[in-house]
Amino acid sequence: MKKVILLALVSLLVFTTGCSVLDKLAIAGRAAQFFTAWKGQNESALKDGLTTEVTYNGLKMSNDLAAADLAREEWWTNYVTVGDPKSVTELDGGTATVTYEFTIMEKEKPETERDILMVLIYIKSETFSWKIYSVDINPIWIAL
């Protein structure tokens, strides 16, 4: 199920004309939950990249009970972050590009470290405060 959800997200972002508006909104809502929960597990990586002022689909990108519940279901429950993650944010004309670099390791399994690079591009929208325009999550597929 996790792979299906990620595939749906990637498909939405790559083939933006191939989905109905309702489908796009449904997948976008799931993406918001995904990254909210991801932030809850990686506060140090995101504290400079996203602030509590940034919302997506009406959801603030912050740690909360919903994020904790989601985290128990998702891929990162089997991984831990190791090393120092970095984030770089560039703001240009209403667009925010956030690049995250961090390393994950399977819990209690040394020598399973994998480098992850995640690029999120947010654009200002009249409908939503911010929306995800593109995300490079190919390395996450390796982790799955």
Protein backbone atom coordinates (compact mmCIF):
# COMPACT_ATOMS: atom_id res chain seq x y z
CA MET A 1 0.00 0.00 0.00
CA LYS A 2 2.85 2.39 0.83
CA LYS A 3 4.40 1.90 -2.59
CA VAL A 4 1.02 2.45 -4.26
CA ILE A 5 0.59 5.75 -2.43
CA LEU A 6 4.10 6.90 -3.39
CA LEU A 7 3.55 5.79 -6.98
CA ALA A 8 0.32 7.79 -7.07
CA LEU A 9 2.16 10.86 -5.78
CA VAL A 10 4.94 10.50 -8.33
CA SER A 11 2.42 9.93 -11.12
CA LEU A 12 0.52 13.05 -10.14
CA LEU A 13 3.65 15.14 -10.17
CA VAL A 14 5.02 13.74 -13.43
CA PHE A 15 1.77 13.47 -15.39
CA THR A 16 -0.11 16.51 -14.12
CA THR A 17 -2.59 16.48 -17.00
CA GLY A 18 -3.54 12.83 -16.55
CA CYS A 19 -5.66 13.16 -13.39
CA SER A 20 -8.94 14.81 -12.60
CA VAL A 21 -8.90 17.76 -10.23
CA LEU A 22 -10.50 15.63 -7.50
CA ASP A 23 -7.84 12.94 -7.90
CA LYS A 24 -5.11 15.55 -7.69
CA LEU A 25 -6.60 17.01 -4.52
CA ALA A 26 -6.93 13.57 -2.92
CA ILE A 27 -3.32 12.68 -3.65
CA ALA A 28 -2.15 16.14 -2.63
CA GLY A 29 -3.87 15.70 0.73
CA ARG A 30 -2.01 12.42 1.23
CA ALA A 31 1.24 14.12 0.28
CA ALA A 32 0.61 16.76 2.92
CA GLN A 33 0.14 14.04 5.54
CA PHE A 34 3.28 12.28 4.35
CA PHE A 35 5.51 15.31 4.68
CA THR A 36 3.90 16.46 7.93
CA ALA A 37 4.71 13.10 9.46
CA TRP A 38 8.15 13.10 7.87
CA LYS A 39 8.85 16.45 9.49
CA GLY A 40 7.74 15.06 12.82
CA GLN A 41 10.49 12.46 12.55
CA ASN A 42 13.17 14.87 11.29
CA GLU A 43 12.81 18.15 13.18
CA SER A 44 16.50 19.04 12.88
CA ALA A 45 16.44 18.64 9.10
CA LEU A 46 13.44 20.87 8.65
CA LYS A 47 13.59 23.55 11.34
CA ASP A 48 15.41 25.96 9.01
CA GLY A 49 13.71 24.82 5.81
CA LEU A 50 10.06 25.05 6.81
CA THR A 51 8.51 27.20 9.50
CA THR A 52 5.19 26.94 11.27
CA GLU A 53 4.03 29.76 8.99
CA VAL A 54 4.18 27.42 5.99
CA THR A 55 0.99 25.45 5.50
CA TYR A 56 0.01 22.99 2.81
CA ASN A 57 -3.60 22.24 2.00
CA GLY A 58 -4.60 23.93 5.24
CA LEU A 59 -2.26 21.75 7.31
CA LYS A 60 0.66 23.27 9.17
CA MET A 61 3.91 21.43 8.59
CA SER A 62 4.54 20.55 12.23
CA ASN A 63 4.67 17.59 14.56
CA ASP A 64 1.27 16.56 15.90
CA LEU A 65 -0.75 13.48 16.85
CA ALA A 66 -1.84 12.89 13.26
CA ALA A 67 1.80 12.89 12.17
CA ALA A 68 2.70 10.44 14.93
CA ASP A 69 -0.14 8.11 13.90
CA LEU A 70 0.89 8.31 10.27
CA ALA A 71 4.54 7.72 11.12
CA ARG A 72 3.65 4.39 12.71
CA GLU A 73 2.28 3.22 9.35
CA GLU A 74 4.87 4.56 6.94
CA TRP A 75 8.28 3.53 5.64
CA TRP A 76 10.35 5.52 8.13
CA THR A 77 9.12 3.38 11.03
CA ASN A 78 11.75 0.86 9.93
CA TYR A 79 14.54 3.37 9.55
CA VAL A 80 16.42 5.87 11.68
CA THR A 81 18.34 8.94 10.56
CA VAL A 82 22.07 8.96 11.16
CA GLY A 83 24.56 11.76 10.65
CA ASP A 84 23.74 15.44 10.37
CA PRO A 85 20.98 16.32 7.93
CA LYS A 86 21.13 19.61 6.06
CA SER A 87 18.51 21.77 4.45
CA VAL A 88 18.91 24.64 2.02
CA THR A 89 16.02 26.95 1.24
CA GLU A 90 15.88 29.41 -1.63
CA LEU A 91 13.01 31.85 -1.97
CA ASP A 92 12.44 33.41 -5.37
CA GLY A 93 9.26 35.18 -6.45
CA GLY A 94 6.84 33.12 -4.37
CA THR A 95 8.61 29.82 -4.97
CA ALA A 96 10.43 27.97 -2.21
CA THR A 97 12.89 25.24 -3.10
CA VAL A 98 13.92 23.05 -0.18
CA THR A 99 16.64 20.43 -0.52
CA TYR A 100 17.10 17.84 2.22
CA GLU A 101 20.14 15.61 2.45
CA PHE A 102 20.26 12.98 5.15
CA THR A 103 21.26 9.40 5.76
CA ILE A 104 19.00 6.61 6.91
CA MET A 105 19.84 3.24 8.41
CA GLU A 106 17.63 0.24 9.06
CA LYS A 107 16.91 -0.01 12.77
CA GLU A 108 19.37 -2.28 14.57
CA LYS A 109 21.06 -3.23 11.29
CA PRO A 110 24.56 -1.70 10.95
CA GLU A 111 25.99 -1.22 7.45
CA THR A 112 22.58 -0.50 5.92
CA GLU A 113 23.16 3.25 5.61
CA ARG A 114 21.68 4.97 2.56
CA ASP A 115 21.94 8.58 1.48
CA ILE A 116 18.65 10.31 0.69
CA LEU A 117 18.23 13.49 -1.34
CA MET A 118 14.75 15.00 -1.32
CA VAL A 119 13.87 18.15 -3.26
CA LEU A 120 10.55 19.86 -2.62
CA ILE A 121 9.35 22.79 -4.69
CA TYR A 122 6.50 24.86 -3.25
CA ILE A 123 4.62 27.47 -5.27
CA LYS A 124 2.24 30.10 -4.00
CA SER A 125 -1.36 29.27 -4.82
CA GLU A 126 -4.58 31.27 -4.56
CA THR A 127 -6.42 28.16 -3.39
CA PHE A 128 -3.89 26.88 -0.84
CA SER A 129 -1.16 28.62 1.11
CA TRP A 130 1.51 26.47 -0.56
CA LYS A 131 1.38 23.35 -2.65
CA ILE A 132 3.91 20.73 -3.61
CA TYR A 133 4.82 21.17 -7.26
CA SER A 134 7.54 18.59 -7.60
CA VAL A 135 9.44 16.16 -5.43
CA ASP A 136 12.36 13.86 -6.18
CA ILE A 137 11.74 10.75 -4.13
CA ASN A 138 13.51 8.13 -6.26
CA PRO A 139 16.04 7.39 -3.49
CA ILE A 140 13.13 6.60 -1.17
CA TRP A 141 12.08 3.79 -3.50
CA ILE A 142 15.48 2.20 -2.90
CA ALA A 143 14.89 2.48 0.84
CA LEU A 144 11.55 0.71 0.53
